[in-house]
PDB file of all heavy atoms in Angstrom:
ATOM      1  N   PRO A   1      80.333  77.727 104.097  1.00  0.00           N
ATOM      2  CA  PRO A   1      79.855  76.379 104.413  1.00  0.00           C
ATOM      3  C   PRO A   1      78.394  76.381 104.872  1.00  0.00           C
ATOM      4  O   PRO A   1      77.937  77.287 105.548  1.00  0.00           O
ATOM      5  CB  PRO A   1      80.779  75.919 105.540  1.00  0.00           C
ATOM      6  CG  PRO A   1      81.355  77.151 106.120  1.00  0.00           C
ATOM      7  CD  PRO A   1      81.332  78.211 105.058  1.00  0.00           C
ATOM      8  N   VAL A   2      77.693  75.339 104.448  1.00  0.00           N
ATOM      9  CA  VAL A   2      76.314  75.087 104.861  1.00  0.00           C
ATOM     10  C   VAL A   2      76.280  73.687 105.454  1.00  0.00           C
ATOM     11  O   VAL A   2      77.122  72.852 105.142  1.00  0.00           O
ATOM     12  CB  VAL A   2      75.319  75.183 103.671  1.00  0.00           C
ATOM     13  CG1 VAL A   2      75.299  76.587 103.099  1.00  0.00           C
ATOM     14  CG2 VAL A   2      75.638  74.167 102.597  1.00  0.00           C
ATOM     15  N   VAL A   3      75.333  73.434 106.312  1.00  0.00           N
ATOM     16  CA  VAL A   3      75.220  72.110 106.918  1.00  0.00           C
ATOM     17  C   VAL A   3      74.265  71.265 106.086  1.00  0.00           C
ATOM     18  O   VAL A   3      73.109  71.643 105.877  1.00  0.00           O
ATOM     19  CB  VAL A   3      74.744  72.199 108.384  1.00  0.00           C
ATOM     20  CG1 VAL A   3      74.546  70.805 108.971  1.00  0.00           C
ATOM     21  CG2 VAL A   3      75.745  72.988 109.211  1.00  0.00           C
ATOM     22  N   ALA A   4      74.772  70.139 105.602  1.00  0.00           N
ATOM     23  CA  ALA A   4      73.956  69.181 104.854  1.00  0.00           C
ATOM     24  C   ALA A   4      73.794  67.930 105.713  1.00  0.00           C
ATOM     25  O   ALA A   4      74.755  67.464 106.325  1.00  0.00           O
ATOM     26  CB  ALA A   4      74.615  68.831 103.526  1.00  0.00           C
ATOM     27  N   VAL A   5      72.593  67.414 105.767  1.00  0.00           N
ATOM     28  CA  VAL A   5      72.321  66.214 106.546  1.00  0.00           C
ATOM     29  C   VAL A   5      72.701  64.994 105.718  1.00  0.00           C
ATOM     30  O   VAL A   5      72.268  64.840 104.574  1.00  0.00           O
ATOM     31  CB  VAL A   5      70.834  66.148 106.960  1.00  0.00           C
ATOM     32  CG1 VAL A   5      70.529  64.857 107.695  1.00  0.00           C
ATOM     33  CG2 VAL A   5      70.479  67.358 107.817  1.00  0.00           C
ATOM     34  N   VAL A   6      73.530  64.152 106.310  1.00  0.00           N
ATOM     35  CA  VAL A   6      73.991  62.925 105.655  1.00  0.00           C
ATOM     36  C   VAL A   6      73.323  61.738 106.334  1.00  0.00           C
ATOM     37  O   VAL A   6      73.334  61.629 107.562  1.00  0.00           O
ATOM     38  CB  VAL A   6      75.529  62.807 105.734  1.00  0.00           C
ATOM     39  CG1 VAL A   6      75.999  61.468 105.194  1.00  0.00           C
ATOM     40  CG2 VAL A   6      76.187  63.953 104.987  1.00  0.00           C
ATOM     41  N   LYS A   7      72.725  60.867 105.540  1.00  0.00           N
ATOM     42  CA  LYS A   7      72.090  59.645 106.047  1.00  0.00           C
ATOM     43  C   LYS A   7      72.541  58.500 105.155  1.00  0.00           C
ATOM     44  O   LYS A   7      72.427  58.577 103.933  1.00  0.00           O
ATOM     45  CB  LYS A   7      70.574  59.787 106.026  1.00  0.00           C
ATOM     46  CG  LYS A   7      69.854  58.568 106.546  1.00  0.00           C
ATOM     47  CD  LYS A   7      68.714  58.964 107.458  1.00  0.00           C
ATOM     48  CE  LYS A   7      67.938  57.755 107.896  1.00  0.00           C
ATOM     49  NZ  LYS A   7      68.376  57.252 109.165  1.00  0.00           N
ATOM     50  N   ASN A   8      73.092  57.476 105.771  1.00  0.00           N
ATOM     51  CA  ASN A   8      73.647  56.335 105.031  1.00  0.00           C
ATOM     52  C   ASN A   8      74.687  56.800 104.015  1.00  0.00           C
ATOM     53  O   ASN A   8      74.794  56.256 102.917  1.00  0.00           O
ATOM     54  CB  ASN A   8      72.547  55.527 104.338  1.00  0.00           C
ATOM     55  CG  ASN A   8      71.575  54.915 105.322  1.00  0.00           C
ATOM     56  OD1 ASN A   8      71.971  54.463 106.386  1.00  0.00           O
ATOM     57  ND2 ASN A   8      70.301  54.930 104.986  1.00  0.00           N
ATOM     58  N   GLY A   9      75.408  57.847 104.353  1.00  0.00           N
ATOM     59  CA  GLY A   9      76.466  58.366 103.488  1.00  0.00           C
ATOM     60  C   GLY A   9      75.987  59.291 102.391  1.00  0.00           C
ATOM     61  O   GLY A   9      76.792  59.852 101.671  1.00  0.00           O
ATOM     62  N   GLN A  10      74.677  59.469 102.232  1.00  0.00           N
ATOM     63  CA  GLN A  10      74.149  60.265 101.125  1.00  0.00           C
ATOM     64  C   GLN A  10      73.546  61.577 101.614  1.00  0.00           C
ATOM     65  O   GLN A  10      73.034  61.663 102.724  1.00  0.00           O
ATOM     66  CB  GLN A  10      73.117  59.460 100.355  1.00  0.00           C
ATOM     67  CG  GLN A  10      73.721  58.203  99.765  1.00  0.00           C
ATOM     68  CD  GLN A  10      72.753  57.476  98.851  1.00  0.00           C
ATOM     69  OE1 GLN A  10      71.642  57.921  98.599  1.00  0.00           O
ATOM     70  NE2 GLN A  10      73.190  56.351  98.348  1.00  0.00           N
ATOM     71  N   PHE A  11      73.624  62.589 100.729  1.00  0.00           N
ATOM     72  CA  PHE A  11      73.047  63.900 101.044  1.00  0.00           C
ATOM     73  C   PHE A  11      72.417  64.486  99.792  1.00  0.00           C
ATOM     74  O   PHE A  11      72.721  64.089  98.662  1.00  0.00           O
ATOM     75  CB  PHE A  11      74.114  64.864 101.585  1.00  0.00           C
ATOM     76  CG  PHE A  11      75.097  65.334 100.543  1.00  0.00           C
ATOM     77  CD1 PHE A  11      74.860  66.493  99.806  1.00  0.00           C
ATOM     78  CD2 PHE A  11      76.244  64.610 100.277  1.00  0.00           C
ATOM     79  CE1 PHE A  11      75.747  66.915  98.829  1.00  0.00           C
ATOM     80  CE2 PHE A  11      77.145  65.022  99.302  1.00  0.00           C
ATOM     81  CZ  PHE A  11      76.901  66.177  98.586  1.00  0.00           C
ATOM     82  N   GLY A  12      71.538  65.440  99.999  1.00  0.00           N
ATOM     83  CA  GLY A  12      70.971  66.240  98.922  1.00  0.00           C
ATOM     84  C   GLY A  12      70.994  67.689  99.369  1.00  0.00           C
ATOM     85  O   GLY A  12      70.900  67.979 100.563  1.00  0.00           O
ATOM     86  N   TYR A  13      71.143  68.587  98.418  1.00  0.00           N
ATOM     87  CA  TYR A  13      71.173  70.013  98.751  1.00  0.00           C
ATOM     88  C   TYR A  13      70.687  70.821  97.551  1.00  0.00           C
ATOM     89  O   TYR A  13      70.921  70.443  96.403  1.00  0.00           O
ATOM     90  CB  TYR A  13      72.597  70.446  99.139  1.00  0.00           C
ATOM     91  CG  TYR A  13      72.649  71.878  99.622  1.00  0.00           C
ATOM     92  CD1 TYR A  13      72.201  72.213 100.887  1.00  0.00           C
ATOM     93  CD2 TYR A  13      73.111  72.897  98.793  1.00  0.00           C
ATOM     94  CE1 TYR A  13      72.210  73.534 101.326  1.00  0.00           C
ATOM     95  CE2 TYR A  13      73.129  74.208  99.232  1.00  0.00           C
ATOM     96  CZ  TYR A  13      72.683  74.522 100.496  1.00  0.00           C
ATOM     97  OH  TYR A  13      72.684  75.818 100.919  1.00  0.00           O
ATOM     98  N   GLN A  14      70.027  71.934  97.841  1.00  0.00           N
ATOM     99  CA  GLN A  14      69.565  72.861  96.808  1.00  0.00           C
ATOM    100  C   GLN A  14      70.563  74.007  96.702  1.00  0.00           C
ATOM    101  O   GLN A  14      70.616  74.859  97.603  1.00  0.00           O
ATOM    102  CB  GLN A  14      68.187  73.430  97.175  1.00  0.00           C
ATOM    103  CG  GLN A  14      67.074  72.427  97.194  1.00  0.00           C
ATOM    104  CD  GLN A  14      66.504  72.190  95.814  1.00  0.00           C
ATOM    105  OE1 GLN A  14      66.727  72.949  94.883  1.00  0.00           O
ATOM    106  NE2 GLN A  14      65.772  71.114  95.663  1.00  0.00           N
ATOM    107  N   LEU A  15      71.370  74.028  95.647  1.00  0.00           N
ATOM    108  CA  LEU A  15      72.277  75.156  95.434  1.00  0.00           C
ATOM    109  C   LEU A  15      71.434  76.414  95.284  1.00  0.00           C
ATOM    110  O   LEU A  15      70.436  76.420  94.571  1.00  0.00           O
ATOM    111  CB  LEU A  15      73.119  74.955  94.181  1.00  0.00           C
ATOM    112  CG  LEU A  15      74.022  73.726  94.125  1.00  0.00           C
ATOM    113  CD1 LEU A  15      74.770  73.682  92.795  1.00  0.00           C
ATOM    114  CD2 LEU A  15      74.993  73.702  95.283  1.00  0.00           C
ATOM    115  N   GLY A  16      71.841  77.480  95.932  1.00  0.00           N
ATOM    116  CA  GLY A  16      71.084  78.725  95.889  1.00  0.00           C
ATOM    117  C   GLY A  16      70.181  78.909  97.094  1.00  0.00           C
ATOM    118  O   GLY A  16      69.448  79.884  97.171  1.00  0.00           O
ATOM    119  N   THR A  17      70.240  78.009  98.064  1.00  0.00           N
ATOM    120  CA  THR A  17      69.397  78.101  99.253  1.00  0.00           C
ATOM    121  C   THR A  17      69.767  79.299 100.114  1.00  0.00           C
ATOM    122  O   THR A  17      68.899  80.047 100.549  1.00  0.00           O
ATOM    123  CB  THR A  17      69.486  76.810 100.083  1.00  0.00           C
ATOM    124  OG1 THR A  17      68.985  75.729  99.298  1.00  0.00           O
ATOM    125  CG2 THR A  17      68.686  76.912 101.366  1.00  0.00           C
ATOM    126  N   THR A  18      71.059  79.499 100.372  1.00  0.00           N
ATOM    127  CA  THR A  18      71.469  80.605 101.234  1.00  0.00           C
ATOM    128  C   THR A  18      72.114  81.746 100.456  1.00  0.00           C
ATOM    129  O   THR A  18      72.169  82.863 100.950  1.00  0.00           O
ATOM    130  CB  THR A  18      72.466  80.137 102.315  1.00  0.00           C
ATOM    131  OG1 THR A  18      73.641  79.627 101.690  1.00  0.00           O
ATOM    132  CG2 THR A  18      71.851  79.063 103.196  1.00  0.00           C
ATOM    133  N   LYS A  19      72.599  81.471  99.268  1.00  0.00           N
ATOM    134  CA  LYS A  19      73.196  82.513  98.420  1.00  0.00           C
ATOM    135  C   LYS A  19      72.641  82.337  97.009  1.00  0.00           C
ATOM    136  O   LYS A  19      72.908  81.338  96.360  1.00  0.00           O
ATOM    137  CB  LYS A  19      74.721  82.404  98.401  1.00  0.00           C
ATOM    138  CG  LYS A  19      75.362  83.510  97.594  1.00  0.00           C
ATOM    139  CD  LYS A  19      76.862  83.436  97.674  1.00  0.00           C
ATOM    140  CE  LYS A  19      77.472  84.569  96.853  1.00  0.00           C
ATOM    141  NZ  LYS A  19      78.923  84.454  96.812  1.00  0.00           N
ATOM    142  N   PRO A  20      71.862  83.308  96.528  1.00  0.00           N
ATOM    143  CA  PRO A  20      71.232  83.161  95.208  1.00  0.00           C
ATOM    144  C   PRO A  20      72.241  82.893  94.103  1.00  0.00           C
ATOM    145  O   PRO A  20      73.365  83.398  94.123  1.00  0.00           O
ATOM    146  CB  PRO A  20      70.544  84.507  94.991  1.00  0.00           C
ATOM    147  CG  PRO A  20      70.378  85.086  96.360  1.00  0.00           C
ATOM    148  CD  PRO A  20      71.538  84.576  97.165  1.00  0.00           C
ATOM    149  N   LEU A  21      71.822  82.070  93.165  1.00  0.00           N
ATOM    150  CA  LEU A  21      72.643  81.808  91.983  1.00  0.00           C
ATOM    151  C   LEU A  21      72.562  83.021  91.061  1.00  0.00           C
ATOM    152  O   LEU A  21      71.469  83.443  90.697  1.00  0.00           O
ATOM    153  CB  LEU A  21      72.147  80.568  91.247  1.00  0.00           C
ATOM    154  CG  LEU A  21      72.355  79.248  91.979  1.00  0.00           C
ATOM    155  CD1 LEU A  21      71.512  78.154  91.358  1.00  0.00           C
ATOM    156  CD2 LEU A  21      73.813  78.866  91.969  1.00  0.00           C
ATOM    157  N   PRO A  22      73.677  83.597  90.684  1.00  0.00           N
ATOM    158  CA  PRO A  22      73.632  84.777  89.809  1.00  0.00           C
ATOM    159  C   PRO A  22      73.219  84.398  88.391  1.00  0.00           C
ATOM    160  O   PRO A  22      73.356  83.243  87.980  1.00  0.00           O
ATOM    161  CB  PRO A  22      75.070  85.293  89.845  1.00  0.00           C
ATOM    162  CG  PRO A  22      75.896  84.091  90.147  1.00  0.00           C
ATOM    163  CD  PRO A  22      75.036  83.220  91.042  1.00  0.00           C
ATOM    164  N   ALA A  23      72.724  85.382  87.663  1.00  0.00           N
ATOM    165  CA  ALA A  23      72.322  85.160  86.273  1.00  0.00           C
ATOM    166  C   ALA A  23      73.501  84.657  85.439  1.00  0.00           C
ATOM    167  O   ALA A  23      73.314  83.894  84.498  1.00  0.00           O
ATOM    168  CB  ALA A  23      71.758  86.446  85.687  1.00  0.00           C
ATOM    169  N   LEU A  24      74.708  85.045  85.788  1.00  0.00           N
ATOM    170  CA  LEU A  24      75.895  84.627  85.045  1.00  0.00           C
ATOM    171  C   LEU A  24      76.037  83.115  85.017  1.00  0.00           C
ATOM    172  O   LEU A  24      76.425  82.535  84.011  1.00  0.00           O
ATOM    173  CB  LEU A  24      77.148  85.255  85.669  1.00  0.00           C
ATOM    174  CG  LEU A  24      78.493  84.792  85.120  1.00  0.00           C
ATOM    175  CD1 LEU A  24      78.629  85.223  83.662  1.00  0.00           C
ATOM    176  CD2 LEU A  24      79.631  85.349  85.947  1.00  0.00           C
ATOM    177  N   VAL A  25      75.685  82.454  86.117  1.00  0.00           N
ATOM    178  CA  VAL A  25      75.831  81.003  86.195  1.00  0.00           C
ATOM    179  C   VAL A  25      74.995  80.331  85.119  1.00  0.00           C
ATOM    180  O   VAL A  25      75.421  79.373  84.494  1.00  0.00           O
ATOM    181  CB  VAL A  25      75.457  80.493  87.608  1.00  0.00           C
ATOM    182  CG1 VAL A  25      75.399  78.980  87.649  1.00  0.00           C
ATOM    183  CG2 VAL A  25      76.458  81.011  88.623  1.00  0.00           C
ATOM    184  N   GLY A  26      73.791  80.831  84.876  1.00  0.00           N
ATOM    185  CA  GLY A  26      72.947  80.262  83.841  1.00  0.00           C
ATOM    186  C   GLY A  26      73.499  80.473  82.445  1.00  0.00           C
ATOM    187  O   GLY A  26      73.123  79.785  81.509  1.00  0.00           O
ATOM    188  N   LYS A  27      74.422  81.413  82.293  1.00  0.00           N
ATOM    189  CA  LYS A  27      75.010  81.698  80.984  1.00  0.00           C
ATOM    190  C   LYS A  27      76.318  80.949  80.758  1.00  0.00           C
ATOM    191  O   LYS A  27      76.870  80.997  79.663  1.00  0.00           O
ATOM    192  CB  LYS A  27      75.244  83.202  80.843  1.00  0.00           C
ATOM    193  CG  LYS A  27      73.949  83.991  80.848  1.00  0.00           C
ATOM    194  CD  LYS A  27      74.214  85.478  80.795  1.00  0.00           C
ATOM    195  CE  LYS A  27      72.902  86.229  80.883  1.00  0.00           C
ATOM    196  NZ  LYS A  27      73.091  87.652  81.017  1.00  0.00           N
ATOM    197  N   LEU A  28      76.812  80.261  81.774  1.00  0.00           N
ATOM    198  CA  LEU A  28      78.048  79.500  81.607  1.00  0.00           C
ATOM    199  C   LEU A  28      77.789  78.346  80.658  1.00  0.00           C
ATOM    200  O   LEU A  28      76.774  77.660  80.751  1.00  0.00           O
ATOM    201  CB  LEU A  28      78.547  78.972  82.954  1.00  0.00           C
ATOM    202  CG  LEU A  28      78.962  80.015  83.982  1.00  0.00           C
ATOM    203  CD1 LEU A  28      79.338  79.335  85.292  1.00  0.00           C
ATOM    204  CD2 LEU A  28      80.136  80.830  83.473  1.00  0.00           C
ATOM    205  N   ASP A  29      78.728  78.110  79.754  1.00  0.00           N
ATOM    206  CA  ASP A  29      78.560  77.055  78.770  1.00  0.00           C
ATOM    207  C   ASP A  29      78.431  75.693  79.436  1.00  0.00           C
ATOM    208  O   ASP A  29      77.541  74.923  79.137  1.00  0.00           O
ATOM    209  CB  ASP A  29      79.747  77.073  77.795  1.00  0.00           C
ATOM    210  CG  ASP A  29      79.600  76.060  76.685  1.00  0.00           C
ATOM    211  OD1 ASP A  29      78.474  75.918  76.159  1.00  0.00           O
ATOM    212  OD2 ASP A  29      80.607  75.413  76.349  1.00  0.00           O
ATOM    213  N   LYS A  30      79.329  75.387  80.334  1.00  0.00           N
ATOM    214  CA  LYS A  30      79.307  74.104  81.036  1.00  0.00           C
ATOM    215  C   LYS A  30      79.895  74.316  82.425  1.00  0.00           C
ATOM    216  O   LYS A  30      81.092  74.177  82.628  1.00  0.00           O
ATOM    217  CB  LYS A  30      80.108  73.057  80.261  1.00  0.00           C
ATOM    218  CG  LYS A  30      80.038  71.675  80.835  1.00  0.00           C
ATOM    219  CD  LYS A  30      80.788  70.690  79.954  1.00  0.00           C
ATOM    220  CE  LYS A  30      80.674  69.290  80.500  1.00  0.00           C
ATOM    221  NZ  LYS A  30      81.424  68.343  79.696  1.00  0.00           N
ATOM    222  N   PRO A  31      79.049  74.668  83.400  1.00  0.00           N
ATOM    223  CA  PRO A  31      79.582  74.923  84.744  1.00  0.00           C
ATOM    224  C   PRO A  31      80.097  73.647  85.403  1.00  0.00           C
ATOM    225  O   PRO A  31      79.578  72.562  85.179  1.00  0.00           O
ATOM    226  CB  PRO A  31      78.382  75.482  85.508  1.00  0.00           C
ATOM    227  CG  PRO A  31      77.190  75.080  84.735  1.00  0.00           C
ATOM    228  CD  PRO A  31      77.608  74.880  83.322  1.00  0.00           C
ATOM    229  N   TRP A  32      81.122  73.826  86.212  1.00  0.00           N
ATOM    230  CA  TRP A  32      81.723  72.723  86.957  1.00  0.00           C
ATOM    231  C   TRP A  32      81.517  72.976  88.436  1.00  0.00           C
ATOM    232  O   TRP A  32      81.692  74.094  88.911  1.00  0.00           O
ATOM    233  CB  TRP A  32      83.206  72.612  86.629  1.00  0.00           C
ATOM    234  CG  TRP A  32      83.435  72.045  85.263  1.00  0.00           C
ATOM    235  CD1 TRP A  32      83.304  72.708  84.077  1.00  0.00           C
ATOM    236  CD2 TRP A  32      83.788  70.712  84.940  1.00  0.00           C
ATOM    237  NE1 TRP A  32      83.567  71.858  83.031  1.00  0.00           N
ATOM    238  CE2 TRP A  32      83.869  70.618  83.540  1.00  0.00           C
ATOM    239  CE3 TRP A  32      84.065  69.577  85.706  1.00  0.00           C
ATOM    240  CZ2 TRP A  32      84.213  69.440  82.885  1.00  0.00           C
ATOM    241  CZ3 TRP A  32      84.401  68.401  85.044  1.00  0.00           C
ATOM    242  CH2 TRP A  32      84.476  68.344  83.648  1.00  0.00           C
ATOM    243  N   LEU A  33      81.163  71.927  89.172  1.00  0.00           N
ATOM    244  CA  LEU A  33      80.872  72.026  90.594  1.00  0.00           C
ATOM    245  C   LEU A  33      82.012  71.439  91.411  1.00  0.00           C
ATOM    246  O   LEU A  33      82.434  70.304  91.185  1.00  0.00           O
ATOM    247  CB  LEU A  33      79.579  71.269  90.919  1.00  0.00           C
ATOM    248  CG  LEU A  33      79.163  71.204  92.386  1.00  0.00           C
ATOM    249  CD1 LEU A  33      78.838  72.594  92.912  1.00  0.00           C
ATOM    250  CD2 LEU A  33      77.984  70.266  92.554  1.00  0.00           C
TER     251      LEU A  33
END
C-alpha cells in the first residue's frame, strides 16, 4: 500500500513511484489494473 492524497473524492498516482515497473509489464498485450 501507498498513500494517495484524495481531494474532492479524486486522486492521481504515478505507478512505479515506489516499486519500479518491470520490463515484462511493457510487453503485456493488454494489462489490467
